[in-house]
Amino acid sequence: MNAIKMMLAKKWRNVLATVMFVFVALFLYRVWAIPPASAAGDVTQVWQNVQRSESYAFSASIENKTIPLATVSNIGRMSRTSMVYLEGQNDVQDEALQLAMWGGGVNVLDQAAAYQMRLRDGLVETRVGNEEWQPGSDLNVGLAPGGDFLAFLDVATDVIEKGS
């Protein structure tokens, strides 16, 4: 009887060891095989969602840092950081765009300080603040390649999420 108990205990030990091995293997697979969430992955997801939608609204704070190369001719030059805040809407179905843009140290709550652009009925119009809309240059559409303000997300690199 004692021999049977020992044999059953050994079998259960083997089963338990196998189950533990499977759980450890699944845990390690999850840690190594599934990439962690990243700012670049978030941007990719946003871009895919935008491509599937008929219209969307957005806001973004963009920081551009220019760092001079470490060369003899750049001795004494400092890096520069510029900030731009954007908000707007895009109705892909009606081909209507509107964008407000603030730069520098301008208060984003001050609508009168915003440079604005819109594309409506195939015409580009611009204004500053609450002034009248003026006919704009088609060159301004460069801000919205393919009629989509967020098209730049398709080629965005070195994306870093800043805390909320």
N, C-alpha and C. Protein backbone atom coordinates (compact mmCIF):
# COMPACT_ATOMS: atom_id res chain seq x y z
N MET A 1 0.81 -1.18 0.00
CA MET A 1 0.00 0.00 0.00
C MET A 1 0.86 1.26 0.00
N ASN A 2 1.94 1.19 0.73
CA ASN A 2 2.86 2.31 0.81
C ASN A 2 3.49 2.58 -0.57
N ALA A 3 3.79 1.54 -1.30
CA ALA A 3 4.39 1.68 -2.63
C ALA A 3 3.42 2.35 -3.59
N ILE A 4 2.14 2.05 -3.47
CA ILE A 4 1.13 2.66 -4.34
C ILE A 4 1.02 4.15 -4.04
N LYS A 5 1.02 4.51 -2.75
CA LYS A 5 0.96 5.92 -2.37
C LYS A 5 2.16 6.68 -2.93
N MET A 6 3.32 6.09 -2.85
CA MET A 6 4.54 6.75 -3.35
C MET A 6 4.47 6.91 -4.86
N MET A 7 3.92 5.90 -5.56
CA MET A 7 3.80 5.97 -7.01
C MET A 7 2.81 7.08 -7.41
N LEU A 8 1.67 7.17 -6.71
CA LEU A 8 0.69 8.22 -6.98
C LEU A 8 1.28 9.61 -6.67
N ALA A 9 2.00 9.73 -5.60
CA ALA A 9 2.62 11.01 -5.23
C ALA A 9 3.63 11.44 -6.30
N LYS A 10 4.38 10.48 -6.82
CA LYS A 10 5.36 10.78 -7.87
C LYS A 10 4.66 11.24 -9.14
N LYS A 11 3.53 10.59 -9.50
CA LYS A 11 2.77 10.99 -10.69
C LYS A 11 2.24 12.41 -10.52
N TRP A 12 1.66 12.70 -9.33
CA TRP A 12 1.12 14.04 -9.09
C TRP A 12 2.22 15.09 -9.11
N ARG A 13 3.39 14.74 -8.61
CA ARG A 13 4.53 15.65 -8.65
C ARG A 13 4.91 15.95 -10.10
N ASN A 14 4.90 14.94 -10.94
CA ASN A 14 5.21 15.12 -12.36
C ASN A 14 4.16 15.99 -13.05
N VAL A 15 2.88 15.74 -12.75
CA VAL A 15 1.79 16.54 -13.32
C VAL A 15 1.94 18.00 -12.87
N LEU A 16 2.18 18.20 -11.58
CA LEU A 16 2.34 19.54 -11.04
C LEU A 16 3.53 20.25 -11.69
N ALA A 17 4.63 19.56 -11.86
CA ALA A 17 5.81 20.13 -12.49
C ALA A 17 5.52 20.51 -13.95
N THR A 18 4.77 19.68 -14.66
CA THR A 18 4.41 19.96 -16.05
C THR A 18 3.52 21.21 -16.13
N VAL A 19 2.52 21.28 -15.26
CA VAL A 19 1.62 22.44 -15.23
C VAL A 19 2.40 23.71 -14.92
N MET A 20 3.28 23.64 -13.94
CA MET A 20 4.11 24.81 -13.59
C MET A 20 4.98 25.22 -14.78
N PHE A 21 5.56 24.26 -15.47
CA PHE A 21 6.39 24.56 -16.64
C PHE A 21 5.57 25.28 -17.72
N VAL A 22 4.35 24.81 -17.96
CA VAL A 22 3.49 25.43 -18.97
C VAL A 22 3.17 26.87 -18.58
N PHE A 23 2.83 27.11 -17.31
CA PHE A 23 2.53 28.47 -16.87
C PHE A 23 3.74 29.40 -17.00
N VAL A 24 4.90 28.92 -16.64
CA VAL A 24 6.12 29.72 -16.77
C VAL A 24 6.41 30.01 -18.25
N ALA A 25 6.23 29.01 -19.09
CA ALA A 25 6.46 29.20 -20.53
C ALA A 25 5.49 30.23 -21.11
N LEU A 26 4.21 30.17 -20.72
CA LEU A 26 3.23 31.16 -21.20
C LEU A 26 3.57 32.56 -20.70
N PHE A 27 3.99 32.66 -19.45
CA PHE A 27 4.37 33.96 -18.91
C PHE A 27 5.56 34.55 -19.67
N LEU A 28 6.58 33.73 -19.89
CA LEU A 28 7.77 34.20 -20.61
C LEU A 28 7.43 34.58 -22.05
N TYR A 29 6.54 33.83 -22.69
CA TYR A 29 6.11 34.16 -24.05
C TYR A 29 5.44 35.53 -24.07
N ARG A 30 4.58 35.77 -23.09
CA ARG A 30 3.87 37.06 -23.02
C ARG A 30 4.86 38.21 -22.81
N VAL A 31 5.84 38.00 -21.97
CA VAL A 31 6.82 39.06 -21.69
C VAL A 31 7.71 39.34 -22.89
N TRP A 32 8.19 38.31 -23.57
CA TRP A 32 9.16 38.49 -24.65
C TRP A 32 8.52 38.66 -26.02
N ALA A 33 7.43 37.99 -26.30
CA ALA A 33 6.89 37.99 -27.65
C ALA A 33 5.92 39.13 -27.92
N ILE A 34 5.24 39.62 -26.92
CA ILE A 34 4.26 40.70 -27.13
C ILE A 34 4.94 42.02 -26.80
N PRO A 35 5.08 42.89 -27.81
CA PRO A 35 5.78 44.15 -27.56
C PRO A 35 4.98 45.05 -26.62
N PRO A 36 5.69 45.81 -25.78
CA PRO A 36 4.99 46.71 -24.87
C PRO A 36 4.38 47.89 -25.65
N ALA A 37 3.37 48.49 -25.07
CA ALA A 37 2.75 49.66 -25.69
C ALA A 37 3.79 50.77 -25.77
N SER A 38 3.76 51.53 -26.85
CA SER A 38 4.70 52.63 -27.01
C SER A 38 3.98 53.81 -27.63
N ALA A 39 4.61 54.97 -27.54
CA ALA A 39 4.03 56.17 -28.16
C ALA A 39 3.91 55.97 -29.67
N ALA A 40 4.93 55.36 -30.29
CA ALA A 40 4.88 55.12 -31.73
C ALA A 40 3.74 54.17 -32.07
N GLY A 41 3.53 53.15 -31.23
CA GLY A 41 2.41 52.23 -31.45
C GLY A 41 1.07 52.92 -31.30
N ASP A 42 0.99 53.86 -30.34
CA ASP A 42 -0.24 54.63 -30.16
C ASP A 42 -0.53 55.48 -31.39
N VAL A 43 0.52 56.11 -31.94
CA VAL A 43 0.35 56.94 -33.13
C VAL A 43 -0.10 56.09 -34.31
N THR A 44 0.47 54.91 -34.45
CA THR A 44 0.06 54.00 -35.51
C THR A 44 -1.41 53.64 -35.38
N GLN A 45 -1.85 53.37 -34.15
CA GLN A 45 -3.26 53.03 -33.91
C GLN A 45 -4.15 54.22 -34.25
N VAL A 46 -3.75 55.43 -33.86
CA VAL A 46 -4.53 56.63 -34.19
C VAL A 46 -4.64 56.78 -35.70
N TRP A 47 -3.53 56.62 -36.41
CA TRP A 47 -3.53 56.75 -37.87
C TRP A 47 -4.47 55.74 -38.51
N GLN A 48 -4.46 54.51 -38.04
CA GLN A 48 -5.37 53.49 -38.59
C GLN A 48 -6.83 53.84 -38.31
N ASN A 49 -7.11 54.36 -37.12
CA ASN A 49 -8.48 54.77 -36.79
C ASN A 49 -8.93 55.94 -37.66
N VAL A 50 -8.04 56.89 -37.90
CA VAL A 50 -8.37 58.06 -38.74
C VAL A 50 -8.69 57.61 -40.15
N GLN A 51 -7.92 56.67 -40.69
CA GLN A 51 -8.16 56.21 -42.06
C GLN A 51 -9.52 55.53 -42.21
N ARG A 52 -10.04 54.97 -41.12
CA ARG A 52 -11.33 54.29 -41.18
C ARG A 52 -12.52 55.22 -40.90
N SER A 53 -12.26 56.44 -40.46
CA SER A 53 -13.36 57.32 -40.05
C SER A 53 -13.78 58.26 -41.17
N GLU A 54 -15.00 58.77 -41.06
CA GLU A 54 -15.53 59.75 -42.02
C GLU A 54 -15.19 61.17 -41.60
N SER A 55 -15.08 61.41 -40.31
CA SER A 55 -14.70 62.72 -39.81
C SER A 55 -14.06 62.55 -38.44
N TYR A 56 -13.29 63.54 -38.03
CA TYR A 56 -12.66 63.49 -36.72
C TYR A 56 -12.26 64.90 -36.29
N ALA A 57 -12.10 65.07 -35.01
CA ALA A 57 -11.56 66.30 -34.43
C ALA A 57 -10.27 65.91 -33.71
N PHE A 58 -9.35 66.85 -33.59
CA PHE A 58 -8.08 66.53 -32.97
C PHE A 58 -7.50 67.76 -32.29
N SER A 59 -6.57 67.52 -31.39
CA SER A 59 -5.75 68.57 -30.80
C SER A 59 -4.40 67.93 -30.50
N ALA A 60 -3.35 68.72 -30.64
CA ALA A 60 -2.02 68.18 -30.43
C ALA A 60 -1.07 69.29 -30.02
N SER A 61 -0.16 68.95 -29.17
CA SER A 61 0.93 69.85 -28.80
C SER A 61 2.19 69.22 -29.39
N ILE A 62 2.86 69.94 -30.26
CA ILE A 62 4.02 69.39 -30.96
C ILE A 62 5.27 70.15 -30.53
N GLU A 63 6.27 69.41 -30.09
CA GLU A 63 7.54 69.99 -29.70
C GLU A 63 8.58 69.53 -30.71
N ASN A 64 9.27 70.50 -31.31
CA ASN A 64 10.30 70.18 -32.28
C ASN A 64 11.63 70.65 -31.71
N LYS A 65 12.55 69.73 -31.55
CA LYS A 65 13.86 70.05 -30.98
C LYS A 65 14.90 69.93 -32.09
N THR A 66 15.63 71.03 -32.32
CA THR A 66 16.69 71.07 -33.33
C THR A 66 18.02 71.09 -32.59
N ILE A 67 18.82 70.05 -32.80
CA ILE A 67 20.11 69.94 -32.12
C ILE A 67 21.21 69.99 -33.18
N PRO A 68 22.11 70.98 -33.10
CA PRO A 68 23.18 71.06 -34.10
C PRO A 68 24.15 69.88 -33.98
N LEU A 69 24.65 69.46 -35.12
CA LEU A 69 25.64 68.38 -35.13
C LEU A 69 26.89 68.82 -34.38
N ALA A 70 27.57 67.86 -33.79
CA ALA A 70 28.80 68.16 -33.05
C ALA A 70 29.96 68.28 -34.04
N THR A 71 30.05 69.45 -34.69
CA THR A 71 31.13 69.71 -35.63
C THR A 71 31.83 71.00 -35.22
N VAL A 72 33.01 71.23 -35.76
CA VAL A 72 33.77 72.42 -35.43
C VAL A 72 33.00 73.68 -35.81
N SER A 73 32.32 73.66 -36.93
CA SER A 73 31.57 74.85 -37.36
C SER A 73 30.36 75.15 -36.49
N ASN A 74 29.94 74.20 -35.67
CA ASN A 74 28.77 74.41 -34.81
C ASN A 74 29.14 74.70 -33.36
N ILE A 75 30.42 74.94 -33.10
CA ILE A 75 30.85 75.24 -31.73
C ILE A 75 30.12 76.48 -31.24
N GLY A 76 29.54 76.38 -30.09
CA GLY A 76 28.83 77.51 -29.49
C GLY A 76 27.36 77.56 -29.85
N ARG A 77 26.94 76.80 -30.81
CA ARG A 77 25.51 76.79 -31.16
C ARG A 77 24.75 75.94 -30.17
N MET A 78 23.58 76.42 -29.82
CA MET A 78 22.76 75.73 -28.84
C MET A 78 21.58 75.05 -29.56
N SER A 79 21.02 74.06 -28.90
CA SER A 79 19.83 73.42 -29.46
C SER A 79 18.65 74.38 -29.29
N ARG A 80 17.66 74.24 -30.17
CA ARG A 80 16.46 75.09 -30.12
C ARG A 80 15.24 74.20 -30.01
N THR A 81 14.29 74.65 -29.24
CA THR A 81 13.04 73.93 -29.09
C THR A 81 11.91 74.88 -29.48
N SER A 82 11.04 74.43 -30.38
CA SER A 82 9.88 75.23 -30.74
C SER A 82 8.63 74.40 -30.47
N MET A 83 7.59 75.11 -30.05
CA MET A 83 6.33 74.46 -29.71
C MET A 83 5.22 74.98 -30.59
N VAL A 84 4.34 74.09 -31.02
CA VAL A 84 3.16 74.46 -31.80
C VAL A 84 1.99 73.66 -31.21
N TYR A 85 0.86 74.35 -31.05
CA TYR A 85 -0.36 73.67 -30.61
C TYR A 85 -1.35 73.74 -31.75
N LEU A 86 -1.95 72.61 -32.08
CA LEU A 86 -2.92 72.51 -33.18
C LEU A 86 -4.24 71.96 -32.67
N GLU A 87 -5.31 72.44 -33.25
CA GLU A 87 -6.59 71.77 -33.05
C GLU A 87 -7.43 72.01 -34.29
N GLY A 88 -8.28 71.06 -34.59
CA GLY A 88 -9.10 71.20 -35.79
C GLY A 88 -10.05 70.05 -35.99
N GLN A 89 -10.72 70.11 -37.13
CA GLN A 89 -11.62 69.04 -37.53
C GLN A 89 -11.42 68.76 -39.02
N ASN A 90 -11.72 67.55 -39.37
CA ASN A 90 -11.62 67.12 -40.76
C ASN A 90 -12.83 66.26 -41.07
N ASP A 91 -13.59 66.67 -42.06
CA ASP A 91 -14.72 65.89 -42.52
C ASP A 91 -14.30 65.29 -43.87
N VAL A 92 -13.82 64.08 -43.83
CA VAL A 92 -13.28 63.42 -45.02
C VAL A 92 -14.35 63.25 -46.09
N GLN A 93 -15.55 62.92 -45.66
CA GLN A 93 -16.63 62.68 -46.61
C GLN A 93 -17.01 63.95 -47.37
N ASP A 94 -17.11 65.10 -46.68
CA ASP A 94 -17.47 66.36 -47.33
C ASP A 94 -16.25 67.14 -47.82
N GLU A 95 -15.05 66.59 -47.61
CA GLU A 95 -13.79 67.23 -47.99
C GLU A 95 -13.70 68.64 -47.41
N ALA A 96 -14.01 68.78 -46.14
CA ALA A 96 -13.94 70.06 -45.43
C ALA A 96 -12.93 69.93 -44.29
N LEU A 97 -12.03 70.90 -44.21
CA LEU A 97 -10.99 70.91 -43.19
C LEU A 97 -11.01 72.24 -42.46
N GLN A 98 -10.65 72.23 -41.19
CA GLN A 98 -10.46 73.47 -40.45
C GLN A 98 -9.38 73.22 -39.41
N LEU A 99 -8.46 74.20 -39.28
CA LEU A 99 -7.32 74.07 -38.39
C LEU A 99 -7.05 75.40 -37.71
N ALA A 100 -6.77 75.36 -36.42
CA ALA A 100 -6.28 76.53 -35.68
C ALA A 100 -4.90 76.16 -35.14
N MET A 101 -3.96 77.12 -35.21
CA MET A 101 -2.58 76.83 -34.85
C MET A 101 -2.03 77.99 -34.01
N TRP A 102 -1.40 77.64 -32.88
CA TRP A 102 -0.75 78.61 -32.03
C TRP A 102 0.71 78.23 -31.92
N GLY A 103 1.61 79.21 -31.91
CA GLY A 103 3.03 78.94 -31.78
C GLY A 103 3.66 79.80 -30.71
N GLY A 104 4.87 79.43 -30.32
CA GLY A 104 5.59 80.21 -29.33
C GLY A 104 4.93 80.18 -27.97
N GLY A 105 4.98 81.30 -27.28
CA GLY A 105 4.43 81.38 -25.94
C GLY A 105 3.00 81.89 -25.92
N VAL A 106 2.28 81.78 -27.03
CA VAL A 106 0.92 82.30 -27.12
C VAL A 106 -0.02 81.39 -26.31
N ASN A 107 -0.95 82.01 -25.59
CA ASN A 107 -1.93 81.27 -24.81
C ASN A 107 -2.94 80.62 -25.75
N VAL A 108 -3.06 79.29 -25.68
CA VAL A 108 -3.97 78.57 -26.58
C VAL A 108 -5.43 78.86 -26.30
N LEU A 109 -5.73 79.44 -25.16
CA LEU A 109 -7.11 79.82 -24.87
C LEU A 109 -7.49 81.11 -25.58
N ASP A 110 -6.50 81.83 -26.08
CA ASP A 110 -6.73 83.10 -26.77
C ASP A 110 -6.98 82.83 -28.25
N GLN A 111 -8.23 82.67 -28.64
CA GLN A 111 -8.60 82.36 -30.03
C GLN A 111 -8.14 83.47 -30.98
N ALA A 112 -8.04 84.71 -30.49
CA ALA A 112 -7.63 85.83 -31.33
C ALA A 112 -6.17 85.72 -31.76
N ALA A 113 -5.39 84.87 -31.11
CA ALA A 113 -3.97 84.73 -31.45
C ALA A 113 -3.72 83.55 -32.38
N ALA A 114 -4.75 82.83 -32.75
CA ALA A 114 -4.58 81.62 -33.57
C ALA A 114 -4.53 81.95 -35.05
N TYR A 115 -3.64 81.28 -35.77
CA TYR A 115 -3.65 81.30 -37.24
C TYR A 115 -4.60 80.17 -37.64
N GLN A 116 -5.55 80.48 -38.50
CA GLN A 116 -6.54 79.48 -38.86
C GLN A 116 -6.57 79.26 -40.37
N MET A 117 -6.87 78.06 -40.75
CA MET A 117 -6.97 77.69 -42.16
C MET A 117 -8.16 76.77 -42.32
N ARG A 118 -8.86 76.92 -43.43
CA ARG A 118 -9.93 75.97 -43.71
C ARG A 118 -9.98 75.72 -45.21
N LEU A 119 -10.45 74.55 -45.54
CA LEU A 119 -10.68 74.16 -46.93
C LEU A 119 -12.16 73.83 -47.02
N ARG A 120 -12.86 74.61 -47.84
CA ARG A 120 -14.30 74.43 -47.96
C ARG A 120 -14.69 74.64 -49.41
N ASP A 121 -15.44 73.73 -49.97
CA ASP A 121 -15.86 73.79 -51.37
C ASP A 121 -14.66 73.93 -52.31
N GLY A 122 -13.55 73.28 -51.96
CA GLY A 122 -12.36 73.31 -52.80
C GLY A 122 -11.53 74.58 -52.69
N LEU A 123 -11.92 75.52 -51.84
CA LEU A 123 -11.21 76.78 -51.69
C LEU A 123 -10.49 76.83 -50.34
N VAL A 124 -9.25 77.31 -50.37
CA VAL A 124 -8.48 77.47 -49.15
C VAL A 124 -8.68 78.90 -48.65
N GLU A 125 -9.00 79.03 -47.36
CA GLU A 125 -9.15 80.34 -46.75
C GLU A 125 -8.35 80.37 -45.45
N THR A 126 -7.82 81.56 -45.12
CA THR A 126 -7.03 81.72 -43.91
C THR A 126 -7.49 82.97 -43.16
N ARG A 127 -7.16 83.00 -41.88
CA ARG A 127 -7.41 84.20 -41.07
C ARG A 127 -6.59 84.10 -39.80
N VAL A 128 -6.42 85.25 -39.17
CA VAL A 128 -5.78 85.32 -37.86
C VAL A 128 -6.84 85.75 -36.87
N GLY A 129 -6.97 84.99 -35.81
CA GLY A 129 -7.96 85.31 -34.78
C GLY A 129 -9.37 85.25 -35.33
N ASN A 130 -10.13 86.32 -35.05
CA ASN A 130 -11.53 86.37 -35.46
C ASN A 130 -11.75 87.29 -36.66
N GLU A 131 -10.69 87.59 -37.40
CA GLU A 131 -10.82 88.44 -38.59
C GLU A 131 -11.64 87.71 -39.65
N GLU A 132 -11.94 88.41 -40.73
CA GLU A 132 -12.67 87.80 -41.84
C GLU A 132 -11.79 86.78 -42.54
N TRP A 133 -12.42 85.76 -43.09
CA TRP A 133 -11.70 84.75 -43.86
C TRP A 133 -11.22 85.38 -45.16
N GLN A 134 -9.94 85.11 -45.51
CA GLN A 134 -9.33 85.63 -46.73
C GLN A 134 -8.98 84.46 -47.64
N PRO A 135 -9.06 84.67 -48.97
CA PRO A 135 -8.61 83.59 -49.87
C PRO A 135 -7.16 83.27 -49.58
N GLY A 136 -6.85 82.00 -49.50
CA GLY A 136 -5.48 81.58 -49.19
C GLY A 136 -4.82 80.95 -50.39
N SER A 137 -3.56 80.66 -50.22
CA SER A 137 -2.77 80.03 -51.27
C SER A 137 -2.97 78.52 -51.21
N ASP A 138 -2.97 77.88 -52.36
CA ASP A 138 -3.05 76.42 -52.38
C ASP A 138 -1.84 75.79 -51.72
N LEU A 139 -0.77 76.59 -51.52
CA LEU A 139 0.41 76.06 -50.86
C LEU A 139 0.11 75.67 -49.42
N ASN A 140 -0.91 76.31 -48.82
CA ASN A 140 -1.28 75.99 -47.44
C ASN A 140 -1.79 74.56 -47.31
N VAL A 141 -2.24 73.96 -48.40
CA VAL A 141 -2.75 72.60 -48.34
C VAL A 141 -1.61 71.63 -48.00
N GLY A 142 -0.36 72.11 -48.12
CA GLY A 142 0.78 71.30 -47.68
C GLY A 142 0.67 70.92 -46.21
N LEU A 143 -0.10 71.71 -45.45
CA LEU A 143 -0.35 71.36 -44.06
C LEU A 143 -1.23 70.13 -43.95
N ALA A 144 -1.98 69.84 -45.00
CA ALA A 144 -2.92 68.71 -44.99
C ALA A 144 -2.75 67.90 -46.27
N PRO A 145 -1.65 67.14 -46.37
CA PRO A 145 -1.45 66.36 -47.59
C PRO A 145 -2.59 65.39 -47.84
N GLY A 146 -3.05 65.37 -49.08
CA GLY A 146 -4.15 64.49 -49.43
C GLY A 146 -5.45 64.90 -48.78
N GLY A 147 -5.54 66.17 -48.33
CA GLY A 147 -6.77 66.64 -47.70
C GLY A 147 -6.98 66.10 -46.30
N ASP A 148 -5.91 65.69 -45.63
CA ASP A 148 -6.03 65.10 -44.30
C ASP A 148 -4.95 65.67 -43.40
N PHE A 149 -5.36 66.43 -42.36
CA PHE A 149 -4.40 67.05 -41.46
C PHE A 149 -3.48 66.03 -40.79
N LEU A 150 -3.98 64.86 -40.53
CA LEU A 150 -3.19 63.88 -39.78
C LEU A 150 -2.39 62.94 -40.68
N ALA A 151 -2.27 63.26 -41.96
CA ALA A 151 -1.51 62.39 -42.87
C ALA A 151 -0.05 62.29 -42.45
N PHE A 152 0.47 63.31 -41.76
CA PHE A 152 1.86 63.26 -41.31
C PHE A 152 2.10 62.10 -40.34
N LEU A 153 1.04 61.59 -39.70
CA LEU A 153 1.20 60.47 -38.78
C LEU A 153 1.75 59.24 -39.49
N ASP A 154 1.51 59.15 -40.79
CA ASP A 154 1.97 58.00 -41.56
C ASP A 154 3.49 57.93 -41.60
N VAL A 155 4.16 59.08 -41.45
CA VAL A 155 5.62 59.11 -41.55
C VAL A 155 6.29 59.63 -40.28
N ALA A 156 5.51 59.80 -39.20
CA ALA A 156 6.07 60.31 -37.94
C ALA A 156 7.10 59.32 -37.39
N THR A 157 8.22 59.86 -36.93
CA THR A 157 9.27 59.03 -36.33
C THR A 157 9.69 59.64 -35.00
N ASP A 158 10.39 58.88 -34.20
CA ASP A 158 10.89 59.33 -32.90
C ASP A 158 9.78 59.95 -32.06
N VAL A 159 8.66 59.30 -31.99
CA VAL A 159 7.50 59.79 -31.24
C VAL A 159 7.70 59.40 -29.78
N ILE A 160 7.55 60.38 -28.90
CA ILE A 160 7.71 60.15 -27.47
C ILE A 160 6.47 60.69 -26.77
N GLU A 161 5.86 59.88 -25.91
CA GLU A 161 4.68 60.32 -25.19
C GLU A 161 5.12 61.16 -24.00
N LYS A 162 4.57 62.37 -23.93
CA LYS A 162 4.81 63.23 -22.78
C LYS A 162 3.68 62.97 -21.81
N GLY A 163 3.91 63.04 -20.54
CA GLY A 163 2.87 62.80 -19.54
C GLY A 163 1.69 63.72 -19.72
N SER A 164 0.56 63.32 -19.18
CA SER A 164 -0.66 64.13 -19.29
C SER A 164 -0.54 65.37 -18.45
